[in-house]
Amino acid sequence: MKIYDFNGKKNICGERVHEARRRLRLTQNDLAAQLQINGITIERDSVSRIEIGTRFVADYELKEISKILKVSVAWLLGIDEQ
């Protein structure tokens, strides 16, 4: 499977994942652990790579990340909600 870049990044949600995680005062390890509890196989370094935009994020991962971080998928994607 070929993973494409968008403006030099592999995802568009990384900065917002970082922002929401910090707002909840979760570490990258905390987020990875919560994802693992919810059935997503991920390690702390993968969370770091998501946040800096060097890792692709699958739709099912994004859905779980949004639940854990208490934000919408739309917000993580930078879509204005009105």
Protein backbone atom coordinates (compact mmCIF):
# COMPACT_ATOMS: atom_id res chain seq x y z
CA MET A 1 0.00 0.00 0.00
CA LYS A 2 1.41 3.36 -0.99
CA ILE A 3 1.08 6.10 1.60
CA TYR A 4 0.92 9.57 0.10
CA ASP A 5 2.07 12.81 1.60
CA PHE A 6 -0.15 15.87 1.93
CA ASN A 7 1.86 19.07 2.17
CA GLY A 8 4.86 17.02 3.28
CA LYS A 9 3.00 15.13 6.01
CA LYS A 10 1.36 11.74 6.22
CA ASN A 11 -1.62 13.06 8.21
CA ILE A 12 -3.46 16.32 8.84
CA CYS A 13 -4.52 15.58 12.42
CA GLY A 14 -1.17 15.42 14.21
CA GLU A 15 -1.01 18.97 15.51
CA ARG A 16 -4.55 18.75 16.88
CA VAL A 17 -3.90 15.34 18.45
CA HIS A 18 -0.96 16.93 20.24
CA GLU A 19 -3.02 19.95 21.31
CA ALA A 20 -5.94 17.88 22.64
CA ARG A 21 -3.64 15.41 24.41
CA ARG A 22 -1.76 18.22 26.17
CA ARG A 23 -5.05 19.91 27.12
CA LEU A 24 -6.06 16.71 28.94
CA ARG A 25 -2.59 16.45 30.47
CA LEU A 26 -2.00 13.02 28.98
CA THR A 27 1.45 11.79 28.06
CA GLN A 28 2.10 10.02 24.79
CA ASN A 29 2.40 6.83 26.85
CA ASP A 30 -1.02 7.50 28.40
CA LEU A 31 -2.63 7.94 24.98
CA ALA A 32 -0.95 4.82 23.62
CA ALA A 33 -2.11 2.82 26.66
CA GLN A 34 -5.70 4.03 26.27
CA LEU A 35 -5.64 3.12 22.58
CA GLN A 36 -4.30 -0.34 23.45
CA ILE A 37 -7.11 -0.83 25.97
CA ASN A 38 -9.54 0.05 23.14
CA GLY A 39 -7.98 -2.55 20.83
CA ILE A 40 -5.60 -0.38 18.80
CA THR A 41 -2.07 -1.79 18.68
CA ILE A 42 0.14 1.29 19.02
CA GLU A 43 3.21 2.32 20.98
CA ARG A 44 4.36 5.67 22.35
CA ASP A 45 6.72 6.27 19.44
CA SER A 46 3.81 5.87 17.02
CA VAL A 47 1.86 8.55 18.91
CA SER A 48 4.90 10.80 18.59
CA ARG A 49 5.11 10.14 14.86
CA ILE A 50 1.39 10.89 14.46
CA GLU A 51 1.85 14.21 16.24
CA ILE A 52 4.78 15.27 14.04
CA GLY A 53 3.04 14.06 10.90
CA THR A 54 5.36 11.23 9.87
CA ARG A 55 2.85 8.42 10.45
CA PHE A 56 -0.34 7.67 8.55
CA VAL A 57 -3.48 7.50 10.74
CA ALA A 58 -6.14 4.95 9.82
CA ASP A 59 -9.78 5.95 10.09
CA TYR A 60 -10.44 3.47 12.91
CA GLU A 61 -7.47 4.91 14.84
CA LEU A 62 -8.74 8.45 14.36
CA LYS A 63 -12.15 7.45 15.68
CA GLU A 64 -10.66 5.99 18.88
CA ILE A 65 -8.24 8.89 19.33
CA SER A 66 -11.16 11.34 19.13
CA LYS A 67 -13.08 9.42 21.83
CA ILE A 68 -10.11 9.29 24.18
CA LEU A 69 -9.25 12.97 23.66
CA LYS A 70 -12.92 14.02 23.95
CA VAL A 71 -12.97 15.88 20.65
CA SER A 72 -14.71 15.20 17.34
CA VAL A 73 -13.07 13.57 14.36
CA ALA A 74 -14.00 16.70 12.41
CA TRP A 75 -12.07 18.87 14.88
CA LEU A 76 -9.02 16.61 14.63
CA LEU A 77 -9.18 16.99 10.85
CA GLY A 78 -9.41 20.78 11.10
CA ILE A 79 -12.95 20.93 9.77
CA ASP A 80 -14.85 23.89 11.17
CA GLU A 81 -17.99 22.78 12.95
CA GLN A 82 -20.85 25.25 12.96
